[in-house]
Amino acid sequence: MHKAIAIFFLFFLNLSISEEMIIGSEVIYPGIEFVFEAAPKDTIYPEDLHLPETETDLHIEMLANWTETNIVEAPKGGFVAYLQVKVKMVNENGQTLEVLLSPHLNLIDNLHYAKNIKLPGTLDDLYDLTFMISPPDKDVFGVHYDWFNRFGDLIKPYSVTYEDLNFKEIALKQRR
């Protein structure tokens, strides 16, 4: 009985720590799922390379993982590395922020792309977010003959826009 109670509390503790706003998800060829999220602000290391938690409104994220039905037979759930991910955020007054997401690691999502951001407007504004995903930079990513002849690049450039998003609730949440 005590073991069941402990598992119950660990489950709900994990839910409170991992609470994120799911913005949307997309599946692209050849079987990669993108999940777009807004999460509570956090401290990211090394601290001198990331916006401090005290100056951050939210942590914007994109998970990129192979689907169960991917046609390249990559391990289901495996992280898709080296993508170039930009996010353009525009509020209802036209104030704009564009950022490049970088690879991050945490206990909740494991490997993902993310960035601490300060909203270009207020917490009460509505925002449109455009995620622009490009294949890896050819200077840092090699593609073997067999892959290239079958699929070409890892992915073709892809973008998706989500409109009228309100981030106030997630921006007011704390991780700790």
N, C-alpha and C. Protein backbone atom coordinates (compact mmCIF):
# COMPACT_ATOMS: atom_id res chain seq x y z
N MET A 1 0.82 -1.20 0.00
CA MET A 1 0.00 0.00 0.00
C MET A 1 0.86 1.27 0.00
N HIS A 2 1.94 1.27 0.82
CA HIS A 2 2.81 2.43 0.88
C HIS A 2 3.48 2.69 -0.46
N LYS A 3 3.82 1.59 -1.16
CA LYS A 3 4.45 1.71 -2.46
C LYS A 3 3.50 2.39 -3.46
N ALA A 4 2.23 2.03 -3.43
CA ALA A 4 1.23 2.63 -4.33
C ALA A 4 1.07 4.12 -4.03
N ILE A 5 1.08 4.49 -2.77
CA ILE A 5 0.95 5.90 -2.39
C ILE A 5 2.18 6.67 -2.88
N ALA A 6 3.36 6.10 -2.71
CA ALA A 6 4.59 6.75 -3.16
C ALA A 6 4.57 6.96 -4.67
N ILE A 7 4.15 5.96 -5.42
CA ILE A 7 4.06 6.07 -6.88
C ILE A 7 3.06 7.16 -7.26
N PHE A 8 1.92 7.22 -6.58
CA PHE A 8 0.91 8.24 -6.83
C PHE A 8 1.49 9.64 -6.64
N PHE A 9 2.20 9.89 -5.54
CA PHE A 9 2.77 11.20 -5.28
C PHE A 9 3.89 11.55 -6.26
N LEU A 10 4.70 10.58 -6.62
CA LEU A 10 5.75 10.83 -7.61
C LEU A 10 5.15 11.20 -8.96
N PHE A 11 4.06 10.52 -9.34
CA PHE A 11 3.38 10.82 -10.60
C PHE A 11 2.87 12.26 -10.61
N PHE A 12 2.19 12.67 -9.55
CA PHE A 12 1.64 14.02 -9.52
C PHE A 12 2.70 15.08 -9.31
N LEU A 13 3.79 14.77 -8.60
CA LEU A 13 4.91 15.70 -8.49
C LEU A 13 5.51 15.93 -9.86
N ASN A 14 5.68 14.86 -10.64
CA ASN A 14 6.23 14.99 -11.98
C ASN A 14 5.31 15.81 -12.88
N LEU A 15 4.00 15.65 -12.74
CA LEU A 15 3.07 16.45 -13.53
C LEU A 15 3.23 17.93 -13.23
N SER A 16 3.39 18.29 -11.96
CA SER A 16 3.50 19.70 -11.61
C SER A 16 4.81 20.28 -12.12
N ILE A 17 5.87 19.49 -12.15
CA ILE A 17 7.16 19.97 -12.63
C ILE A 17 7.13 20.11 -14.15
N SER A 18 6.47 19.21 -14.83
CA SER A 18 6.55 19.16 -16.29
C SER A 18 5.40 19.88 -16.99
N GLU A 19 4.65 20.69 -16.27
CA GLU A 19 3.50 21.34 -16.90
C GLU A 19 3.97 22.29 -17.99
N GLU A 20 3.49 22.04 -19.19
CA GLU A 20 3.83 22.84 -20.36
C GLU A 20 2.58 23.12 -21.17
N MET A 21 2.62 24.17 -21.95
CA MET A 21 1.53 24.52 -22.84
C MET A 21 1.85 23.93 -24.21
N ILE A 22 1.06 22.97 -24.64
CA ILE A 22 1.25 22.39 -25.98
C ILE A 22 0.65 23.36 -26.99
N ILE A 23 1.49 23.87 -27.87
CA ILE A 23 1.05 24.80 -28.91
C ILE A 23 0.48 24.03 -30.09
N GLY A 24 1.12 22.95 -30.45
CA GLY A 24 0.66 22.13 -31.57
C GLY A 24 1.67 21.05 -31.88
N SER A 25 1.31 20.18 -32.83
CA SER A 25 2.24 19.15 -33.28
C SER A 25 2.01 18.89 -34.76
N GLU A 26 3.06 18.45 -35.40
CA GLU A 26 3.04 18.17 -36.84
C GLU A 26 3.90 16.95 -37.09
N VAL A 27 3.55 16.16 -38.12
CA VAL A 27 4.39 15.05 -38.56
C VAL A 27 4.77 15.34 -40.00
N ILE A 28 6.08 15.25 -40.27
CA ILE A 28 6.57 15.50 -41.63
C ILE A 28 7.32 14.28 -42.15
N TYR A 29 7.50 14.24 -43.45
CA TYR A 29 8.25 13.21 -44.14
C TYR A 29 9.71 13.30 -43.70
N PRO A 30 10.38 12.24 -43.43
CA PRO A 30 10.04 10.83 -43.59
C PRO A 30 9.55 10.14 -42.32
N GLY A 31 8.90 10.90 -41.44
CA GLY A 31 8.37 10.33 -40.21
C GLY A 31 8.93 10.98 -38.96
N ILE A 32 8.98 12.32 -38.97
CA ILE A 32 9.47 13.08 -37.83
C ILE A 32 8.30 13.85 -37.24
N GLU A 33 8.11 13.71 -35.93
CA GLU A 33 7.07 14.48 -35.24
C GLU A 33 7.69 15.67 -34.54
N PHE A 34 7.11 16.84 -34.78
CA PHE A 34 7.48 18.06 -34.07
C PHE A 34 6.37 18.36 -33.07
N VAL A 35 6.74 18.62 -31.83
CA VAL A 35 5.80 19.07 -30.82
C VAL A 35 6.29 20.43 -30.36
N PHE A 36 5.42 21.44 -30.47
CA PHE A 36 5.77 22.81 -30.13
C PHE A 36 5.15 23.14 -28.78
N GLU A 37 5.97 23.69 -27.87
CA GLU A 37 5.52 23.92 -26.50
C GLU A 37 6.01 25.27 -25.99
N ALA A 38 5.28 25.78 -25.01
CA ALA A 38 5.74 26.90 -24.18
C ALA A 38 5.79 26.35 -22.77
N ALA A 39 6.90 26.59 -22.09
CA ALA A 39 7.10 26.04 -20.76
C ALA A 39 7.44 27.18 -19.80
N PRO A 40 7.30 26.92 -18.50
CA PRO A 40 7.72 27.94 -17.53
C PRO A 40 9.20 28.26 -17.69
N LYS A 41 9.54 29.49 -17.39
CA LYS A 41 10.94 29.93 -17.47
C LYS A 41 11.83 29.04 -16.61
N ASP A 42 13.11 29.00 -16.96
CA ASP A 42 14.05 28.14 -16.24
C ASP A 42 15.45 28.73 -16.34
N THR A 43 16.33 28.27 -15.48
CA THR A 43 17.74 28.60 -15.57
C THR A 43 18.39 27.59 -16.50
N ILE A 44 19.14 28.09 -17.48
CA ILE A 44 19.79 27.24 -18.47
C ILE A 44 21.31 27.46 -18.36
N TYR A 45 22.06 26.39 -18.42
CA TYR A 45 23.52 26.45 -18.32
C TYR A 45 24.15 26.20 -19.67
N PRO A 46 25.30 26.82 -19.98
CA PRO A 46 25.98 27.81 -19.16
C PRO A 46 25.19 29.12 -19.12
N GLU A 47 25.09 29.68 -17.94
CA GLU A 47 24.23 30.84 -17.72
C GLU A 47 24.62 32.06 -18.55
N ASP A 48 25.89 32.21 -18.86
CA ASP A 48 26.30 33.40 -19.62
C ASP A 48 25.88 33.34 -21.09
N LEU A 49 25.40 32.19 -21.56
CA LEU A 49 24.96 32.05 -22.95
C LEU A 49 23.44 32.08 -23.12
N HIS A 50 22.69 32.18 -22.01
CA HIS A 50 21.24 32.11 -22.07
C HIS A 50 20.61 33.23 -21.26
N LEU A 51 19.46 33.70 -21.71
CA LEU A 51 18.74 34.75 -21.00
C LEU A 51 18.46 34.30 -19.57
N PRO A 52 18.82 35.10 -18.58
CA PRO A 52 18.59 34.69 -17.19
C PRO A 52 17.10 34.45 -16.91
N GLU A 53 16.83 33.52 -16.02
CA GLU A 53 15.45 33.19 -15.66
C GLU A 53 14.70 34.43 -15.19
N THR A 54 15.37 35.33 -14.46
CA THR A 54 14.73 36.54 -13.94
C THR A 54 14.32 37.52 -15.03
N GLU A 55 14.89 37.38 -16.23
CA GLU A 55 14.55 38.26 -17.35
C GLU A 55 13.71 37.56 -18.41
N THR A 56 13.30 36.34 -18.12
CA THR A 56 12.59 35.50 -19.08
C THR A 56 11.09 35.47 -18.78
N ASP A 57 10.27 35.51 -19.84
CA ASP A 57 8.82 35.31 -19.67
C ASP A 57 8.45 33.85 -19.81
N LEU A 58 9.06 33.17 -20.78
CA LEU A 58 8.76 31.76 -20.97
C LEU A 58 9.89 31.07 -21.72
N HIS A 59 9.80 29.76 -21.73
CA HIS A 59 10.79 28.90 -22.38
C HIS A 59 10.08 28.26 -23.57
N ILE A 60 10.46 28.64 -24.77
CA ILE A 60 9.81 28.13 -25.98
C ILE A 60 10.57 26.88 -26.44
N GLU A 61 9.84 25.84 -26.83
CA GLU A 61 10.47 24.55 -27.13
C GLU A 61 9.90 23.90 -28.38
N MET A 62 10.74 23.06 -28.99
CA MET A 62 10.29 22.17 -30.06
C MET A 62 10.94 20.83 -29.83
N LEU A 63 10.13 19.80 -29.70
CA LEU A 63 10.62 18.43 -29.64
C LEU A 63 10.63 17.90 -31.07
N ALA A 64 11.65 17.16 -31.44
CA ALA A 64 11.77 16.58 -32.78
C ALA A 64 12.19 15.12 -32.61
N ASN A 65 11.23 14.21 -32.86
CA ASN A 65 11.50 12.80 -32.63
C ASN A 65 10.95 11.95 -33.77
N TRP A 66 11.60 10.80 -33.98
CA TRP A 66 11.13 9.86 -34.99
C TRP A 66 9.83 9.22 -34.53
N THR A 67 8.87 9.11 -35.45
CA THR A 67 7.59 8.46 -35.14
C THR A 67 7.76 6.94 -35.19
N GLU A 68 6.77 6.26 -34.69
CA GLU A 68 6.77 4.79 -34.74
C GLU A 68 6.71 4.29 -36.17
N THR A 69 6.07 5.06 -37.05
CA THR A 69 5.88 4.63 -38.43
C THR A 69 6.84 5.30 -39.41
N ASN A 70 7.97 5.84 -38.92
CA ASN A 70 8.91 6.49 -39.83
C ASN A 70 9.42 5.48 -40.86
N ILE A 71 9.63 5.94 -42.07
CA ILE A 71 9.99 5.02 -43.16
C ILE A 71 11.48 4.74 -43.24
N VAL A 72 12.28 5.35 -42.36
CA VAL A 72 13.72 5.11 -42.40
C VAL A 72 14.16 4.09 -41.35
N GLU A 73 13.19 3.58 -40.60
CA GLU A 73 13.43 2.58 -39.57
C GLU A 73 14.34 3.09 -38.45
N ALA A 74 14.25 4.39 -38.19
CA ALA A 74 14.97 4.98 -37.05
C ALA A 74 14.25 4.57 -35.77
N PRO A 75 14.95 4.49 -34.65
CA PRO A 75 14.30 4.10 -33.39
C PRO A 75 13.19 5.07 -33.01
N LYS A 76 12.01 4.52 -32.71
CA LYS A 76 10.86 5.34 -32.32
C LYS A 76 11.22 6.23 -31.13
N GLY A 77 10.91 7.50 -31.25
CA GLY A 77 11.17 8.45 -30.18
C GLY A 77 12.57 9.02 -30.18
N GLY A 78 13.44 8.54 -31.07
CA GLY A 78 14.80 9.06 -31.12
C GLY A 78 14.83 10.53 -31.51
N PHE A 79 15.71 11.29 -30.89
CA PHE A 79 15.85 12.72 -31.15
C PHE A 79 16.42 12.96 -32.54
N VAL A 80 15.85 13.91 -33.26
CA VAL A 80 16.34 14.29 -34.59
C VAL A 80 17.25 15.51 -34.39
N ALA A 81 18.53 15.29 -34.53
CA ALA A 81 19.53 16.31 -34.19
C ALA A 81 19.90 17.19 -35.38
N TYR A 82 20.54 18.30 -35.05
CA TYR A 82 21.18 19.21 -35.97
C TYR A 82 20.22 20.04 -36.83
N LEU A 83 18.94 20.03 -36.51
CA LEU A 83 18.01 20.88 -37.25
C LEU A 83 18.27 22.34 -36.91
N GLN A 84 17.92 23.21 -37.83
CA GLN A 84 17.99 24.65 -37.56
C GLN A 84 16.55 25.11 -37.35
N VAL A 85 16.29 25.65 -36.17
CA VAL A 85 14.91 26.00 -35.79
C VAL A 85 14.84 27.47 -35.39
N LYS A 86 14.08 28.24 -36.15
CA LYS A 86 13.83 29.64 -35.82
C LYS A 86 12.37 29.80 -35.43
N VAL A 87 12.13 30.73 -34.54
CA VAL A 87 10.76 31.06 -34.13
C VAL A 87 10.57 32.56 -34.31
N LYS A 88 9.50 32.90 -35.01
CA LYS A 88 9.12 34.31 -35.14
C LYS A 88 7.84 34.51 -34.36
N MET A 89 7.86 35.45 -33.44
CA MET A 89 6.72 35.73 -32.56
C MET A 89 6.26 37.16 -32.84
N VAL A 90 4.98 37.32 -33.15
CA VAL A 90 4.42 38.64 -33.45
C VAL A 90 3.18 38.82 -32.59
N ASN A 91 3.12 39.94 -31.85
CA ASN A 91 1.92 40.19 -31.05
C ASN A 91 0.90 40.96 -31.87
N GLU A 92 -0.25 41.18 -31.28
CA GLU A 92 -1.37 41.82 -31.99
C GLU A 92 -1.07 43.26 -32.38
N ASN A 93 -0.03 43.88 -31.79
CA ASN A 93 0.35 45.25 -32.13
C ASN A 93 1.50 45.30 -33.13
N GLY A 94 1.93 44.13 -33.61
CA GLY A 94 2.99 44.06 -34.60
C GLY A 94 4.40 44.01 -34.02
N GLN A 95 4.52 43.99 -32.69
CA GLN A 95 5.85 43.86 -32.09
C GLN A 95 6.36 42.45 -32.37
N THR A 96 7.62 42.34 -32.77
CA THR A 96 8.17 41.08 -33.27
C THR A 96 9.44 40.68 -32.53
N LEU A 97 9.59 39.39 -32.36
CA LEU A 97 10.82 38.80 -31.85
C LEU A 97 11.12 37.58 -32.70
N GLU A 98 12.36 37.45 -33.14
CA GLU A 98 12.78 36.26 -33.88
C GLU A 98 14.00 35.68 -33.17
N VAL A 99 13.94 34.38 -32.85
CA VAL A 99 15.03 33.73 -32.13
C VAL A 99 15.37 32.40 -32.79
N LEU A 100 16.60 31.97 -32.56
CA LEU A 100 17.07 30.67 -33.01
C LEU A 100 17.06 29.75 -31.80
N LEU A 101 16.36 28.61 -31.90
CA LEU A 101 16.35 27.65 -30.80
C LEU A 101 17.63 26.83 -30.87
N SER A 102 18.13 26.44 -29.71
CA SER A 102 19.34 25.62 -29.65
C SER A 102 19.03 24.31 -28.95
N PRO A 103 19.87 23.31 -29.13
CA PRO A 103 19.64 22.04 -28.44
C PRO A 103 19.72 22.21 -26.92
N HIS A 104 18.78 21.60 -26.22
CA HIS A 104 18.73 21.63 -24.75
C HIS A 104 18.52 20.21 -24.25
N LEU A 105 18.80 20.03 -22.96
CA LEU A 105 18.61 18.74 -22.31
C LEU A 105 18.02 18.96 -20.94
N ASN A 106 16.94 18.24 -20.63
CA ASN A 106 16.38 18.25 -19.28
C ASN A 106 15.82 16.87 -18.96
N LEU A 107 15.33 16.71 -17.74
CA LEU A 107 14.80 15.41 -17.32
C LEU A 107 13.40 15.13 -17.87
N ILE A 108 12.67 16.17 -18.24
CA ILE A 108 11.28 16.00 -18.67
C ILE A 108 11.22 15.61 -20.15
N ASP A 109 11.80 16.43 -21.02
CA ASP A 109 11.73 16.21 -22.46
C ASP A 109 12.95 15.51 -23.03
N ASN A 110 14.02 15.39 -22.25
CA ASN A 110 15.29 14.90 -22.72
C ASN A 110 15.83 15.88 -23.76
N LEU A 111 16.38 15.42 -24.87
CA LEU A 111 16.90 16.34 -25.88
C LEU A 111 15.76 17.03 -26.63
N HIS A 112 15.90 18.35 -26.81
CA HIS A 112 14.91 19.15 -27.51
C HIS A 112 15.57 20.46 -27.94
N TYR A 113 14.86 21.26 -28.70
CA TYR A 113 15.33 22.58 -29.11
C TYR A 113 14.56 23.60 -28.28
N ALA A 114 15.25 24.65 -27.78
CA ALA A 114 14.55 25.59 -26.91
C ALA A 114 15.29 26.92 -26.78
N LYS A 115 14.61 27.86 -26.12
CA LYS A 115 15.19 29.17 -25.85
C LYS A 115 14.36 29.87 -24.79
N ASN A 116 15.04 30.49 -23.81
CA ASN A 116 14.38 31.40 -22.90
C ASN A 116 14.09 32.68 -23.67
N ILE A 117 12.88 33.23 -23.54
CA ILE A 117 12.57 34.46 -24.27
C ILE A 117 11.84 35.46 -23.39
N LYS A 118 11.99 36.70 -23.75
CA LYS A 118 11.21 37.81 -23.21
C LYS A 118 10.21 38.16 -24.30
N LEU A 119 8.93 38.13 -23.97
CA LEU A 119 7.90 38.44 -24.97
C LEU A 119 8.10 39.85 -25.53
N PRO A 120 7.83 40.07 -26.83
CA PRO A 120 7.99 41.41 -27.40
C PRO A 120 6.89 42.38 -26.99
N GLY A 121 5.85 41.89 -26.34
CA GLY A 121 4.77 42.73 -25.87
C GLY A 121 4.45 42.41 -24.42
N THR A 122 3.18 42.40 -24.08
CA THR A 122 2.77 42.15 -22.70
C THR A 122 2.24 40.72 -22.54
N LEU A 123 2.07 40.32 -21.30
CA LEU A 123 1.49 38.99 -21.02
C LEU A 123 0.04 38.90 -21.46
N ASP A 124 -0.64 40.01 -21.59
CA ASP A 124 -2.05 40.00 -21.99
C ASP A 124 -2.25 39.97 -23.50
N ASP A 125 -1.19 40.18 -24.27
CA ASP A 125 -1.30 40.18 -25.73
C ASP A 125 -1.54 38.77 -26.27
N LEU A 126 -2.11 38.71 -27.46
CA LEU A 126 -2.18 37.47 -28.23
C LEU A 126 -1.01 37.46 -29.21
N TYR A 127 -0.47 36.28 -29.45
CA TYR A 127 0.72 36.14 -30.29
C TYR A 127 0.50 35.12 -31.40
N ASP A 128 1.11 35.41 -32.55
CA ASP A 128 1.23 34.43 -33.62
C ASP A 128 2.67 33.94 -33.59
N LEU A 129 2.85 32.63 -33.64
CA LEU A 129 4.19 32.03 -33.65
C LEU A 129 4.38 31.26 -34.94
N THR A 130 5.47 31.53 -35.62
CA THR A 130 5.85 30.76 -36.79
C THR A 130 7.15 30.03 -36.48
N PHE A 131 7.11 28.72 -36.60
CA PHE A 131 8.29 27.88 -36.42
C PHE A 131 8.82 27.57 -37.81
N MET A 132 10.10 27.88 -38.06
CA MET A 132 10.74 27.65 -39.34
C MET A 132 11.86 26.63 -39.12
N ILE A 133 11.71 25.45 -39.68
CA ILE A 133 12.65 24.36 -39.46
C ILE A 133 13.37 24.07 -40.77
N SER A 134 14.69 24.08 -40.71
CA SER A 134 15.52 23.83 -41.89
C SER A 134 16.41 22.63 -41.66
N PRO A 135 16.86 22.00 -42.76
CA PRO A 135 17.78 20.87 -42.60
C PRO A 135 19.08 21.34 -41.94
N PRO A 136 19.85 20.40 -41.46
CA PRO A 136 21.13 20.76 -40.84
C PRO A 136 22.04 21.51 -41.80
N ASP A 137 22.88 22.35 -41.23
CA ASP A 137 23.88 23.08 -41.99
C ASP A 137 24.86 22.07 -42.59
N LYS A 138 25.11 22.18 -43.86
CA LYS A 138 25.99 21.22 -44.56
C LYS A 138 27.42 21.23 -44.03
N ASP A 139 27.81 22.30 -43.32
CA ASP A 139 29.17 22.37 -42.75
C ASP A 139 29.32 21.47 -41.52
N VAL A 140 28.22 21.04 -40.92
CA VAL A 140 28.32 20.25 -39.68
C VAL A 140 27.62 18.91 -39.75
N PHE A 141 27.01 18.60 -40.91
CA PHE A 141 26.21 17.38 -40.99
C PHE A 141 26.44 16.71 -42.33
N GLY A 142 26.91 15.47 -42.29
CA GLY A 142 27.14 14.72 -43.51
C GLY A 142 26.03 13.72 -43.77
N VAL A 143 25.70 13.53 -45.03
CA VAL A 143 24.67 12.57 -45.43
C VAL A 143 25.33 11.53 -46.34
N HIS A 144 25.22 10.27 -45.96
CA HIS A 144 25.82 9.19 -46.74
C HIS A 144 25.07 8.97 -48.05
N TYR A 145 25.75 8.34 -48.98
CA TYR A 145 25.26 8.06 -50.33
C TYR A 145 23.90 7.35 -50.30
N ASP A 146 23.78 6.29 -49.46
CA ASP A 146 22.54 5.51 -49.45
C ASP A 146 21.34 6.36 -49.01
N TRP A 147 21.53 7.17 -47.96
CA TRP A 147 20.45 8.05 -47.49
C TRP A 147 20.10 9.08 -48.56
N PHE A 148 21.14 9.74 -49.09
CA PHE A 148 20.92 10.82 -50.04
C PHE A 148 20.17 10.32 -51.28
N ASN A 149 20.54 9.14 -51.78
CA ASN A 149 19.86 8.60 -52.96
C ASN A 149 18.42 8.22 -52.68
N ARG A 150 18.11 7.87 -51.44
CA ARG A 150 16.74 7.48 -51.11
C ARG A 150 15.88 8.65 -50.64
N PHE A 151 16.47 9.57 -49.84
CA PHE A 151 15.67 10.62 -49.19
C PHE A 151 16.14 12.04 -49.48
N GLY A 152 17.36 12.22 -49.98
CA GLY A 152 17.91 13.57 -50.14
C GLY A 152 18.38 14.09 -48.79
N ASP A 153 18.06 15.33 -48.47
CA ASP A 153 18.41 15.90 -47.17
C ASP A 153 17.62 15.21 -46.07
N LEU A 154 18.01 15.48 -44.84
CA LEU A 154 17.28 14.93 -43.69
C LEU A 154 15.82 15.35 -43.75
N ILE A 155 15.59 16.65 -43.98
CA ILE A 155 14.22 17.17 -44.17
C ILE A 155 14.27 18.27 -45.22
N LYS A 156 13.11 18.60 -45.74
CA LYS A 156 12.97 19.79 -46.58
C LYS A 156 12.56 20.93 -45.64
N PRO A 157 12.90 22.19 -45.97
CA PRO A 157 12.48 23.29 -45.11
C PRO A 157 10.98 23.23 -44.84
N TYR A 158 10.62 23.52 -43.62
CA TYR A 158 9.22 23.39 -43.18
C TYR A 158 8.89 24.54 -42.24
N SER A 159 7.70 25.09 -42.38
CA SER A 159 7.26 26.10 -41.42
C SER A 159 5.78 25.91 -41.12
N VAL A 160 5.42 26.34 -39.92
CA VAL A 160 4.03 26.26 -39.48
C VAL A 160 3.77 27.45 -38.57
N THR A 161 2.56 28.01 -38.68
CA THR A 161 2.17 29.16 -37.87
C THR A 161 0.99 28.80 -37.00
N TYR A 162 1.06 29.20 -35.75
CA TYR A 162 -0.04 29.06 -34.80
C TYR A 162 -0.45 30.47 -34.39
N GLU A 163 -1.76 30.73 -34.44
CA GLU A 163 -2.26 32.10 -34.25
C GLU A 163 -3.02 32.28 -32.95
N ASP A 164 -3.03 33.54 -32.51
CA ASP A 164 -3.83 33.99 -31.36
C ASP A 164 -3.54 33.19 -30.08
N LEU A 165 -2.27 33.07 -29.77
CA LEU A 165 -1.86 32.33 -28.57
C LEU A 165 -1.71 33.29 -27.39
N ASN A 166 -2.20 32.87 -26.25
CA ASN A 166 -2.06 33.64 -25.02
C ASN A 166 -1.11 32.88 -24.10
N PHE A 167 -0.02 33.52 -23.70
CA PHE A 167 1.00 32.87 -22.89
C PHE A 167 0.95 33.26 -21.42
N LYS A 168 -0.05 34.05 -21.03
CA LYS A 168 -0.07 34.59 -19.67
C LYS A 168 -0.01 33.48 -18.61
N GLU A 169 -0.86 32.47 -18.73
CA GLU A 169 -0.93 31.43 -17.70
C GLU A 169 0.40 30.70 -17.56
N ILE A 170 1.02 30.31 -18.66
CA ILE A 170 2.28 29.57 -18.58
C ILE A 170 3.43 30.49 -18.15
N ALA A 171 3.37 31.76 -18.53
CA ALA A 171 4.42 32.70 -18.13
C ALA A 171 4.41 32.99 -16.63
N LEU A 172 3.25 32.84 -16.00
CA LEU A 172 3.15 33.10 -14.56
C LEU A 172 3.50 31.87 -13.72
N LYS A 173 3.65 30.73 -14.35
CA LYS A 173 3.99 29.50 -13.61
C LYS A 173 5.48 29.48 -13.25
N GLN A 174 5.78 28.76 -12.20
CA GLN A 174 7.16 28.59 -11.74
C GLN A 174 7.52 27.11 -11.79
N ARG A 175 8.75 26.79 -12.12
CA ARG A 175 9.21 25.39 -12.10
C ARG A 175 9.55 24.94 -10.69
N ARG A 176 10.04 25.86 -9.88
CA ARG A 176 10.45 25.51 -8.52
C ARG A 176 9.80 26.43 -7.54
